[in-house]
Amino acid sequence: MLYIIIGIFIVLIIIVILAITTYNKFQLAFIKIDEAENNIDLLLEKKLDFFNRMVPLLEQEKVENDQAFFEIKKFKSQKWNHFQMRDALEKKTKELNEILDLKTELEQNKSIAALLDELVDVNTDLDAAIKYYNDNVVRYNKLIRCFPSNLLGLILRYKNKEFYSDEKEEIFEILKK
């Protein structure tokens, strides 16, 4: 009888240790995802600041294009999450590239050229932050779906997190070739 009680006690201790370890894995995933989201938000703010500095330079150069491009100041008032903000800024980047393709002499302006170099740096950092975010969201989502961590995830009502799909689509396109 004593051996049964000791056996049950050991099994309970093992279950508690596994639950604590799994809980800590979830908490670490939350921390890393929050860190990545904060980095992405900061980089999106930098990109928005870039456009706020670029628009007056383009207006000064008398660039005529769709007026929607020049309405970048409205972005600040929007209540967007980082997914929506990134999509909107990507659209503005494509519009800027179209303007630069039409008026190649703009790249000769030193101020515009310096800002474009800054945009390249911000985009590179943003891509890295998004990759870090996606990697951690994938790890977190695996914890939610895989046994035995999914049991704790169900008990704590953790939900799958959304990730940036562009990276996955790019990889898929490369693999298709």
Protein backbone atom coordinates (compact mmCIF):
# COMPACT_ATOMS: atom_id res chain seq x y z
CA MET A 1 0.00 0.00 0.00
CA LEU A 2 2.86 2.33 0.84
CA TYR A 3 4.41 1.67 -2.58
CA ILE A 4 1.17 2.63 -4.33
CA ILE A 5 0.97 5.92 -2.39
CA ILE A 6 4.63 6.69 -3.15
CA GLY A 7 4.06 5.80 -6.83
CA ILE A 8 1.00 8.07 -7.06
CA PHE A 9 2.92 10.85 -5.30
CA ILE A 10 5.83 10.53 -7.77
CA VAL A 11 3.45 10.55 -10.76
CA LEU A 12 1.75 13.69 -9.40
CA ILE A 13 5.11 15.40 -8.93
CA ILE A 14 6.10 14.52 -12.49
CA ILE A 15 2.78 15.88 -13.82
CA VAL A 16 3.23 19.12 -11.84
CA ILE A 17 6.80 19.52 -13.12
CA LEU A 18 5.66 18.93 -16.71
CA ALA A 19 2.82 21.45 -16.29
CA ILE A 20 5.19 24.07 -14.86
CA THR A 21 7.74 23.45 -17.62
CA THR A 22 5.06 23.71 -20.31
CA TYR A 23 3.61 26.85 -18.72
CA ASN A 24 7.08 28.40 -18.76
CA LYS A 25 7.45 27.53 -22.46
CA PHE A 26 4.19 29.36 -23.15
CA GLN A 27 5.33 32.35 -21.12
CA LEU A 28 8.65 32.48 -22.96
CA ALA A 29 6.79 32.36 -26.26
CA PHE A 30 4.55 35.25 -25.13
CA ILE A 31 7.60 37.29 -24.15
CA LYS A 32 9.33 36.70 -27.48
CA ILE A 33 6.18 37.47 -29.47
CA ASP A 34 5.61 40.68 -27.49
CA GLU A 35 9.23 41.67 -28.07
CA ALA A 36 8.86 41.04 -31.79
CA GLU A 37 5.59 43.00 -31.93
CA ASN A 38 7.23 45.94 -30.16
CA ASN A 39 10.15 45.87 -32.61
CA ILE A 40 7.77 45.72 -35.55
CA ASP A 41 5.73 48.62 -34.17
CA LEU A 42 8.88 50.72 -33.73
CA LEU A 43 10.04 49.96 -37.25
CA LEU A 44 6.62 50.75 -38.68
CA GLU A 45 6.75 54.08 -36.85
CA LYS A 46 10.17 54.69 -38.46
CA LYS A 47 8.72 53.86 -41.86
CA LEU A 48 5.78 56.19 -41.27
CA ASP A 49 8.22 58.90 -40.22
CA PHE A 50 10.14 58.26 -43.45
CA PHE A 51 7.02 58.93 -45.51
CA ASN A 52 6.21 62.04 -43.46
CA ARG A 53 9.66 63.37 -44.38
CA MET A 54 9.51 62.17 -47.99
CA VAL A 55 6.16 63.74 -48.90
CA PRO A 56 7.34 67.37 -48.49
CA LEU A 57 10.42 66.62 -50.62
CA LEU A 58 8.25 65.17 -53.37
CA GLU A 59 5.88 68.12 -53.15
CA GLN A 60 8.88 70.44 -53.35
CA GLU A 61 9.95 68.64 -56.54
CA LYS A 62 6.43 69.25 -57.87
CA VAL A 63 5.70 65.58 -58.29
CA GLU A 64 2.19 65.11 -59.60
CA ASN A 65 0.67 61.80 -58.75
CA ASP A 66 -2.40 60.35 -57.19
CA GLN A 67 -3.22 62.66 -54.24
CA ALA A 68 -3.83 59.64 -52.03
CA PHE A 69 -0.06 59.13 -51.77
CA PHE A 70 0.37 62.54 -50.20
CA GLU A 71 -2.28 61.93 -47.53
CA ILE A 72 0.16 60.01 -45.33
CA LYS A 73 -0.54 62.23 -42.31
CA LYS A 74 -3.93 60.52 -41.92
CA PHE A 75 -2.13 57.29 -41.01
CA LYS A 76 -1.37 58.54 -37.49
CA SER A 77 -5.05 58.90 -36.66
CA GLN A 78 -5.90 55.35 -37.76
CA LYS A 79 -6.34 52.69 -35.08
CA TRP A 80 -4.57 49.91 -36.94
CA ASN A 81 -2.77 46.87 -35.63
CA HIS A 82 0.73 46.19 -36.92
CA PHE A 83 -0.58 43.92 -39.68
CA GLN A 84 -2.85 46.63 -41.11
CA MET A 85 -0.20 49.35 -40.70
CA ARG A 86 2.39 47.24 -42.49
CA ASP A 87 0.00 46.54 -45.38
CA ALA A 88 -0.84 50.24 -45.72
CA LEU A 89 2.83 51.26 -45.63
CA GLU A 90 3.73 48.54 -48.16
CA LYS A 91 1.11 50.01 -50.47
CA LYS A 92 2.68 53.46 -50.02
CA THR A 93 6.11 51.99 -50.74
CA LYS A 94 4.83 50.54 -54.03
CA GLU A 95 3.30 53.91 -54.91
CA LEU A 96 6.61 55.62 -54.13
CA ASN A 97 8.45 53.14 -56.34
CA GLU A 98 6.02 53.92 -59.17
CA ILE A 99 6.71 57.63 -58.73
CA LEU A 100 10.46 57.01 -58.76
CA ASP A 101 10.16 54.84 -61.88
CA LEU A 102 8.33 57.65 -63.68
CA LYS A 103 10.66 60.40 -62.50
CA THR A 104 14.12 58.86 -62.28
CA GLU A 105 15.73 62.29 -61.79
CA LEU A 106 14.30 62.37 -58.26
CA GLU A 107 16.95 59.92 -57.13
CA GLN A 108 19.58 62.53 -58.00
CA ASN A 109 18.26 64.76 -55.20
CA LYS A 110 20.61 64.11 -52.26
CA SER A 111 17.88 64.46 -49.64
CA ILE A 112 15.64 61.98 -51.44
CA ALA A 113 18.55 59.60 -52.04
CA ALA A 114 19.46 59.69 -48.33
CA LEU A 115 15.86 58.97 -47.36
CA LEU A 116 15.69 56.10 -49.83
CA ASP A 117 18.82 54.59 -48.25
CA GLU A 118 17.12 54.93 -44.87
CA LEU A 119 14.02 53.19 -46.26
CA VAL A 120 16.15 50.26 -47.42
CA ASP A 121 17.63 49.95 -43.91
CA VAL A 122 14.21 50.14 -42.25
CA ASN A 123 12.78 47.54 -44.65
CA THR A 124 15.72 45.21 -43.96
CA ASP A 125 15.24 45.57 -40.20
CA LEU A 126 11.49 45.14 -40.58
CA ASP A 127 11.92 41.94 -42.60
CA ALA A 128 14.21 40.56 -39.87
CA ALA A 129 11.74 41.53 -37.12
CA ILE A 130 8.89 39.88 -39.03
CA LYS A 131 10.93 36.69 -39.50
CA TYR A 132 11.68 36.65 -35.75
CA TYR A 133 7.98 37.22 -35.02
CA ASN A 134 6.87 34.45 -37.42
CA ASP A 135 9.40 31.99 -36.04
CA ASN A 136 8.15 32.56 -32.50
CA VAL A 137 4.49 32.45 -33.48
CA VAL A 138 5.11 29.11 -35.21
CA ARG A 139 6.74 27.77 -32.02
CA TYR A 140 3.82 29.07 -29.93
CA ASN A 141 1.22 27.60 -32.30
CA LYS A 142 3.02 24.24 -32.16
CA LEU A 143 2.75 24.32 -28.37
CA ILE A 144 -1.00 24.86 -28.69
CA ARG A 145 -1.44 21.99 -31.15
CA CYS A 146 0.97 19.32 -29.90
CA PHE A 147 0.46 16.91 -27.05
CA PRO A 148 0.96 17.33 -24.05
CA SER A 149 1.31 21.12 -24.16
CA ASN A 150 -2.04 21.43 -25.97
CA LEU A 151 -3.77 20.19 -22.80
CA LEU A 152 -2.44 23.13 -20.82
CA GLY A 153 -3.24 25.42 -23.74
CA LEU A 154 -6.84 24.21 -23.69
CA ILE A 155 -7.12 24.67 -19.94
CA LEU A 156 -5.71 28.21 -20.15
CA ARG A 157 -7.74 28.93 -23.33
CA TYR A 158 -4.75 29.99 -25.42
CA LYS A 159 -5.58 30.75 -29.03
CA ASN A 160 -3.50 30.47 -32.20
CA LYS A 161 -1.68 33.63 -33.14
CA GLU A 162 -1.69 35.12 -36.61
CA PHE A 163 1.58 35.44 -38.46
CA TYR A 164 2.76 37.44 -41.42
CA SER A 165 1.95 35.31 -44.43
CA ASP A 166 4.06 37.24 -46.97
CA GLU A 167 7.21 35.46 -45.85
CA LYS A 168 5.58 32.05 -46.28
CA GLU A 169 4.17 33.05 -49.68
CA GLU A 170 7.62 34.17 -50.84
CA ILE A 171 9.12 30.84 -49.77
CA PHE A 172 6.30 29.01 -51.59
CA GLU A 173 6.95 31.05 -54.76
CA ILE A 174 10.67 30.22 -54.60
CA LEU A 175 9.92 26.52 -54.13
CA LYS A 176 7.51 26.52 -57.09
CA LYS A 177 10.26 27.63 -59.50
